[in-house]
């Protein structure tokens, strides 16, 4: 078994795709003509977006993220956290934490995307 994809429920799928393209350099894999669903190629796991409106039509009640009380985060891994952080901020991310070295040796910074989802920008975990 493997993790295939993560879907973020957003207000504007095309805006989310544009942000992640610009902020992290992820390539667009698919955008449905309706604009209600899209996928980005990020490496081995796909990052997908669904409009909250589409999810409502499927009988679910999606919630907007709360950056003050996040219930999860996505992480992007890079060898140069500061450069990635600068790129994300230039694309419209909001700074949550400047780069910090963790006790286990990993460097970690945090931003929120324009929808309010928490994104960790980090170096690989050393083994």
N, C-alpha and C. Protein backbone atom coordinates (compact mmCIF):
# COMPACT_ATOMS: atom_id res chain seq x y z
N UNK A 1 0.84 -1.17 0.00
CA UNK A 1 0.00 0.00 0.00
C UNK A 1 0.89 1.23 0.00
N UNK A 2 0.38 2.34 -0.56
CA UNK A 2 1.10 3.60 -0.53
C UNK A 2 0.12 4.75 -0.48
N UNK A 3 0.59 5.88 0.01
CA UNK A 3 -0.24 7.08 0.04
C UNK A 3 -0.30 7.64 -1.37
N UNK A 4 -1.48 7.75 -1.92
CA UNK A 4 -1.64 8.19 -3.29
C UNK A 4 -1.77 9.69 -3.44
N UNK A 5 -2.60 10.31 -2.60
CA UNK A 5 -2.80 11.75 -2.71
C UNK A 5 -3.42 12.31 -1.46
N UNK A 6 -3.28 13.60 -1.33
CA UNK A 6 -3.93 14.39 -0.29
C UNK A 6 -4.78 15.43 -1.00
N UNK A 7 -6.00 15.63 -0.56
CA UNK A 7 -6.89 16.63 -1.17
C UNK A 7 -7.15 17.74 -0.16
N UNK A 8 -6.90 18.97 -0.57
CA UNK A 8 -7.25 20.14 0.23
C UNK A 8 -8.55 20.71 -0.32
N UNK A 9 -9.50 20.99 0.57
CA UNK A 9 -10.77 21.59 0.17
C UNK A 9 -10.60 23.10 0.20
N UNK A 10 -10.75 23.74 -0.95
CA UNK A 10 -10.47 25.16 -1.10
C UNK A 10 -11.66 25.88 -1.72
N UNK A 11 -11.68 27.19 -1.57
CA UNK A 11 -12.73 27.99 -2.21
C UNK A 11 -12.49 28.12 -3.71
N UNK A 12 -11.23 28.31 -4.11
CA UNK A 12 -10.90 28.56 -5.51
C UNK A 12 -9.76 27.64 -5.93
N UNK A 13 -10.11 26.58 -6.65
CA UNK A 13 -9.13 25.57 -7.06
C UNK A 13 -8.04 26.17 -7.94
N UNK A 14 -8.43 26.96 -8.93
CA UNK A 14 -7.43 27.52 -9.85
C UNK A 14 -6.45 28.46 -9.12
N UNK A 15 -6.94 29.21 -8.17
CA UNK A 15 -6.06 30.09 -7.39
C UNK A 15 -5.10 29.26 -6.54
N UNK A 16 -5.58 28.18 -5.95
CA UNK A 16 -4.72 27.31 -5.15
C UNK A 16 -3.63 26.67 -6.02
N UNK A 17 -4.00 26.20 -7.20
CA UNK A 17 -3.03 25.60 -8.11
C UNK A 17 -1.98 26.63 -8.51
N UNK A 18 -2.41 27.83 -8.84
CA UNK A 18 -1.46 28.89 -9.22
C UNK A 18 -0.49 29.19 -8.08
N UNK A 19 -1.00 29.24 -6.85
CA UNK A 19 -0.12 29.50 -5.72
C UNK A 19 0.92 28.39 -5.57
N UNK A 20 0.50 27.13 -5.56
CA UNK A 20 1.45 26.03 -5.36
C UNK A 20 2.41 25.88 -6.54
N UNK A 21 1.97 26.23 -7.74
CA UNK A 21 2.89 26.27 -8.89
C UNK A 21 3.99 27.29 -8.63
N UNK A 22 3.58 28.50 -8.26
CA UNK A 22 4.53 29.59 -8.07
C UNK A 22 5.37 29.42 -6.81
N UNK A 23 4.74 29.04 -5.72
CA UNK A 23 5.43 28.97 -4.43
C UNK A 23 6.41 27.80 -4.34
N UNK A 24 6.05 26.66 -4.90
CA UNK A 24 6.85 25.46 -4.70
C UNK A 24 7.29 24.78 -5.99
N UNK A 25 6.87 25.32 -7.13
CA UNK A 25 7.30 24.77 -8.41
C UNK A 25 6.64 23.45 -8.78
N UNK A 26 5.51 23.11 -8.17
CA UNK A 26 4.82 21.87 -8.51
C UNK A 26 4.15 22.01 -9.87
N UNK A 27 4.26 20.99 -10.68
CA UNK A 27 3.65 21.00 -12.01
C UNK A 27 2.19 20.58 -11.93
N UNK A 28 1.38 21.24 -12.74
CA UNK A 28 -0.03 20.88 -12.81
C UNK A 28 -0.17 19.58 -13.59
N UNK A 29 -0.82 18.61 -12.99
CA UNK A 29 -1.06 17.32 -13.64
C UNK A 29 -2.43 17.31 -14.32
N UNK A 30 -3.41 17.91 -13.65
CA UNK A 30 -4.79 17.84 -14.17
C UNK A 30 -5.61 18.95 -13.55
N UNK A 31 -6.42 19.62 -14.36
CA UNK A 31 -7.44 20.55 -13.87
C UNK A 31 -8.73 20.21 -14.61
N UNK A 32 -9.76 19.86 -13.88
CA UNK A 32 -11.05 19.56 -14.52
C UNK A 32 -11.61 20.83 -15.13
N UNK A 33 -12.27 20.69 -16.25
CA UNK A 33 -12.81 21.84 -16.97
C UNK A 33 -13.75 22.69 -16.12
N UNK A 34 -14.39 22.08 -15.12
CA UNK A 34 -15.29 22.82 -14.23
C UNK A 34 -14.51 23.73 -13.29
N UNK A 35 -13.22 23.44 -13.10
CA UNK A 35 -12.42 24.19 -12.14
C UNK A 35 -12.64 23.75 -10.71
N UNK A 36 -13.38 22.65 -10.50
CA UNK A 36 -13.68 22.19 -9.16
C UNK A 36 -12.72 21.13 -8.62
N UNK A 37 -11.79 20.66 -9.46
CA UNK A 37 -10.84 19.66 -9.01
C UNK A 37 -9.55 19.78 -9.82
N UNK A 38 -8.42 19.60 -9.14
CA UNK A 38 -7.12 19.65 -9.82
C UNK A 38 -6.12 18.81 -9.05
N UNK A 39 -5.07 18.41 -9.76
CA UNK A 39 -3.98 17.65 -9.15
C UNK A 39 -2.64 18.26 -9.55
N UNK A 40 -1.71 18.25 -8.61
CA UNK A 40 -0.34 18.69 -8.87
C UNK A 40 0.60 17.52 -8.69
N UNK A 41 1.61 17.46 -9.55
CA UNK A 41 2.67 16.46 -9.42
C UNK A 41 3.71 17.02 -8.44
N UNK A 42 3.94 16.31 -7.35
CA UNK A 42 4.86 16.80 -6.32
C UNK A 42 5.99 15.83 -6.04
N UNK A 43 6.08 14.78 -6.80
CA UNK A 43 7.03 13.71 -6.53
C UNK A 43 6.26 12.41 -6.48
N UNK A 44 6.33 11.70 -5.37
CA UNK A 44 5.66 10.41 -5.29
C UNK A 44 4.20 10.50 -4.85
N UNK A 45 3.81 11.58 -4.22
CA UNK A 45 2.43 11.75 -3.75
C UNK A 45 1.81 12.95 -4.45
N UNK A 46 0.59 12.81 -4.90
CA UNK A 46 -0.12 13.89 -5.58
C UNK A 46 -0.77 14.81 -4.55
N UNK A 47 -0.67 16.11 -4.80
CA UNK A 47 -1.41 17.09 -4.01
C UNK A 47 -2.59 17.52 -4.86
N UNK A 48 -3.79 17.31 -4.35
CA UNK A 48 -5.01 17.61 -5.10
C UNK A 48 -5.82 18.68 -4.38
N UNK A 49 -6.69 19.32 -5.14
CA UNK A 49 -7.57 20.36 -4.61
C UNK A 49 -8.97 20.09 -5.11
N UNK A 50 -9.92 20.23 -4.22
CA UNK A 50 -11.33 20.15 -4.58
C UNK A 50 -12.01 21.40 -4.05
N UNK A 51 -12.92 21.93 -4.81
CA UNK A 51 -13.65 23.10 -4.31
C UNK A 51 -14.56 22.65 -3.18
N UNK A 52 -14.73 23.52 -2.22
CA UNK A 52 -15.65 23.21 -1.12
C UNK A 52 -17.06 23.05 -1.65
N UNK A 53 -17.38 23.80 -2.69
CA UNK A 53 -18.72 23.68 -3.29
C UNK A 53 -18.95 22.27 -3.83
N UNK A 54 -17.96 21.70 -4.51
CA UNK A 54 -18.11 20.34 -5.03
C UNK A 54 -18.31 19.36 -3.89
N UNK A 55 -17.55 19.49 -2.83
CA UNK A 55 -17.68 18.57 -1.69
C UNK A 55 -19.05 18.70 -1.04
N UNK A 56 -19.58 19.93 -1.02
CA UNK A 56 -20.95 20.11 -0.47
C UNK A 56 -21.97 19.35 -1.30
N UNK A 57 -21.81 19.33 -2.63
CA UNK A 57 -22.77 18.61 -3.48
C UNK A 57 -22.69 17.11 -3.26
N UNK A 58 -21.59 16.64 -2.66
CA UNK A 58 -21.43 15.22 -2.36
C UNK A 58 -21.91 14.89 -0.95
N UNK A 59 -22.57 15.87 -0.30
CA UNK A 59 -23.17 15.62 1.00
C UNK A 59 -22.25 15.81 2.19
N UNK A 60 -21.11 16.41 1.98
CA UNK A 60 -20.18 16.64 3.09
C UNK A 60 -20.19 18.12 3.47
N UNK A 61 -19.67 18.42 4.64
CA UNK A 61 -19.63 19.80 5.13
C UNK A 61 -18.18 20.19 5.39
N UNK A 62 -17.46 20.60 4.35
CA UNK A 62 -16.05 20.95 4.54
C UNK A 62 -15.88 22.22 5.35
N UNK A 63 -14.84 22.25 6.14
CA UNK A 63 -14.53 23.41 6.95
C UNK A 63 -13.31 24.13 6.38
N UNK A 64 -13.30 25.43 6.54
CA UNK A 64 -12.12 26.20 6.16
C UNK A 64 -11.03 25.96 7.20
N UNK A 65 -9.77 25.96 6.79
CA UNK A 65 -8.69 25.75 7.77
C UNK A 65 -8.60 26.93 8.72
N UNK A 66 -8.10 26.65 9.91
CA UNK A 66 -7.87 27.69 10.90
C UNK A 66 -6.39 27.67 11.24
N UNK A 67 -5.60 28.63 10.73
CA UNK A 67 -4.16 28.60 10.98
C UNK A 67 -3.79 28.76 12.46
N UNK A 68 -4.71 29.25 13.26
CA UNK A 68 -4.44 29.36 14.70
C UNK A 68 -4.64 28.03 15.42
N UNK A 69 -5.44 27.14 14.80
CA UNK A 69 -5.71 25.83 15.38
C UNK A 69 -5.66 24.76 14.29
N UNK A 70 -4.49 24.57 13.67
CA UNK A 70 -4.43 23.61 12.57
C UNK A 70 -4.66 22.18 13.07
N UNK A 71 -5.29 21.38 12.22
CA UNK A 71 -5.51 19.98 12.58
C UNK A 71 -4.57 19.07 11.78
N UNK A 72 -3.82 19.63 10.82
CA UNK A 72 -2.81 18.89 10.08
C UNK A 72 -1.94 19.89 9.35
N UNK A 73 -0.88 19.38 8.73
CA UNK A 73 -0.03 20.21 7.90
C UNK A 73 0.45 19.37 6.73
N UNK A 74 0.84 20.04 5.66
CA UNK A 74 1.55 19.35 4.60
C UNK A 74 2.99 19.82 4.68
N UNK A 75 3.91 19.00 4.23
CA UNK A 75 5.32 19.34 4.30
C UNK A 75 5.94 19.25 2.92
N UNK A 76 6.76 20.24 2.59
CA UNK A 76 7.56 20.19 1.37
C UNK A 76 9.01 20.12 1.82
N UNK A 77 9.75 19.22 1.21
CA UNK A 77 11.12 18.95 1.62
C UNK A 77 12.09 19.55 0.61
N UNK A 78 13.10 20.22 1.14
CA UNK A 78 14.09 20.90 0.31
C UNK A 78 15.43 20.94 1.04
N UNK A 79 16.49 21.09 0.30
CA UNK A 79 17.80 21.26 0.92
C UNK A 79 18.05 22.69 1.34
N UNK A 80 17.27 23.65 0.81
CA UNK A 80 17.46 25.07 1.10
C UNK A 80 16.15 25.67 1.60
N UNK A 81 15.93 25.56 2.89
CA UNK A 81 14.68 26.03 3.49
C UNK A 81 14.50 27.53 3.30
N UNK A 82 15.54 28.31 3.50
CA UNK A 82 15.40 29.76 3.38
C UNK A 82 15.00 30.18 1.98
N UNK A 83 15.61 29.60 0.95
CA UNK A 83 15.26 29.93 -0.43
C UNK A 83 13.82 29.53 -0.73
N UNK A 84 13.40 28.37 -0.26
CA UNK A 84 12.03 27.91 -0.47
C UNK A 84 11.04 28.80 0.28
N UNK A 85 11.41 29.21 1.48
CA UNK A 85 10.58 30.10 2.27
C UNK A 85 10.42 31.44 1.55
N UNK A 86 11.51 31.99 1.06
CA UNK A 86 11.46 33.26 0.34
C UNK A 86 10.55 33.17 -0.89
N UNK A 87 10.65 32.06 -1.61
CA UNK A 87 9.82 31.85 -2.80
C UNK A 87 8.34 31.77 -2.43
N UNK A 88 8.04 31.03 -1.36
CA UNK A 88 6.66 30.90 -0.92
C UNK A 88 6.08 32.24 -0.48
N UNK A 89 6.87 33.02 0.26
CA UNK A 89 6.40 34.33 0.71
C UNK A 89 6.16 35.26 -0.47
N UNK A 90 7.03 35.21 -1.47
CA UNK A 90 6.86 36.04 -2.67
C UNK A 90 5.60 35.65 -3.44
N UNK A 91 5.20 34.39 -3.32
CA UNK A 91 4.00 33.90 -4.01
C UNK A 91 2.72 34.20 -3.24
N UNK A 92 2.84 34.73 -2.01
CA UNK A 92 1.65 35.09 -1.26
C UNK A 92 1.42 34.32 0.02
N UNK A 93 2.36 33.47 0.41
CA UNK A 93 2.22 32.75 1.68
C UNK A 93 2.38 33.73 2.84
N UNK A 94 1.86 33.33 4.00
CA UNK A 94 1.99 34.10 5.22
C UNK A 94 2.96 33.39 6.15
N UNK A 95 3.95 34.11 6.64
CA UNK A 95 4.95 33.52 7.52
C UNK A 95 4.33 33.13 8.86
N UNK A 96 4.62 31.91 9.30
CA UNK A 96 4.18 31.44 10.61
C UNK A 96 5.36 31.16 11.53
N UNK A 97 6.51 30.73 10.94
CA UNK A 97 7.71 30.47 11.75
C UNK A 97 8.93 30.55 10.84
N UNK A 98 9.91 31.33 11.26
CA UNK A 98 11.16 31.41 10.51
C UNK A 98 11.92 30.09 10.65
N UNK A 99 12.90 29.84 9.77
CA UNK A 99 13.64 28.58 9.85
C UNK A 99 14.27 28.37 11.22
N UNK A 100 14.12 27.17 11.70
CA UNK A 100 14.62 26.81 13.03
C UNK A 100 15.18 25.39 12.96
N UNK A 101 16.33 25.17 13.58
CA UNK A 101 16.89 23.82 13.60
C UNK A 101 16.27 23.05 14.76
N UNK A 102 15.74 21.89 14.44
CA UNK A 102 15.10 21.04 15.44
C UNK A 102 16.16 20.18 16.14
N UNK A 103 15.87 19.69 17.34
CA UNK A 103 16.83 18.87 18.08
C UNK A 103 17.30 17.64 17.30
N UNK A 104 16.50 17.15 16.37
CA UNK A 104 16.86 15.96 15.59
C UNK A 104 17.64 16.32 14.33
N UNK A 105 17.98 17.63 14.16
CA UNK A 105 18.84 18.06 13.07
C UNK A 105 18.15 18.59 11.84
N UNK A 106 16.85 18.52 11.81
CA UNK A 106 16.09 19.01 10.66
C UNK A 106 15.86 20.51 10.80
N UNK A 107 15.94 21.25 9.68
CA UNK A 107 15.60 22.66 9.68
C UNK A 107 14.16 22.79 9.19
N UNK A 108 13.35 23.58 9.91
CA UNK A 108 11.91 23.66 9.66
C UNK A 108 11.46 25.12 9.70
N UNK A 109 10.63 25.50 8.74
CA UNK A 109 9.93 26.79 8.74
C UNK A 109 8.46 26.49 8.43
N UNK A 110 7.59 27.44 8.76
CA UNK A 110 6.17 27.26 8.49
C UNK A 110 5.59 28.49 7.83
N UNK A 111 4.69 28.25 6.87
CA UNK A 111 3.89 29.30 6.26
C UNK A 111 2.45 28.82 6.20
N UNK A 112 1.55 29.74 5.93
CA UNK A 112 0.18 29.39 5.57
C UNK A 112 -0.01 29.77 4.12
N UNK A 113 -0.70 28.91 3.39
CA UNK A 113 -1.03 29.25 2.01
C UNK A 113 -2.18 30.27 2.04
N UNK A 114 -2.56 30.83 0.91
CA UNK A 114 -3.62 31.86 0.91
C UNK A 114 -4.97 31.38 1.46
N UNK A 115 -5.21 30.08 1.48
CA UNK A 115 -6.46 29.54 2.04
C UNK A 115 -6.37 29.38 3.56
N UNK A 116 -5.14 29.39 4.10
CA UNK A 116 -4.94 29.21 5.54
C UNK A 116 -4.41 27.85 5.94
N UNK A 117 -4.06 26.99 4.96
CA UNK A 117 -3.49 25.68 5.28
C UNK A 117 -2.05 25.85 5.72
N UNK A 118 -1.66 25.12 6.76
CA UNK A 118 -0.31 25.17 7.30
C UNK A 118 0.61 24.32 6.42
N UNK A 119 1.72 24.93 5.98
CA UNK A 119 2.70 24.24 5.14
C UNK A 119 4.05 24.30 5.84
N UNK A 120 4.62 23.14 6.10
CA UNK A 120 5.96 23.04 6.66
C UNK A 120 6.95 23.00 5.50
N UNK A 121 7.98 23.82 5.59
CA UNK A 121 9.09 23.78 4.63
C UNK A 121 10.29 23.27 5.41
N UNK A 122 10.83 22.14 5.00
CA UNK A 122 11.84 21.49 5.84
C UNK A 122 12.92 20.78 5.03
N UNK A 123 14.03 20.55 5.71
CA UNK A 123 15.06 19.71 5.13
C UNK A 123 14.68 18.26 5.36
N UNK A 124 15.31 17.35 4.62
CA UNK A 124 15.03 15.93 4.87
C UNK A 124 15.43 15.55 6.30
N UNK A 125 14.75 14.57 6.82
CA UNK A 125 15.09 14.04 8.15
C UNK A 125 16.34 13.18 7.99
N UNK A 126 17.35 13.45 8.78
CA UNK A 126 18.57 12.65 8.73
C UNK A 126 18.36 11.34 9.44
N UNK A 127 18.92 10.29 8.88
CA UNK A 127 18.78 8.98 9.52
C UNK A 127 20.13 8.52 10.05
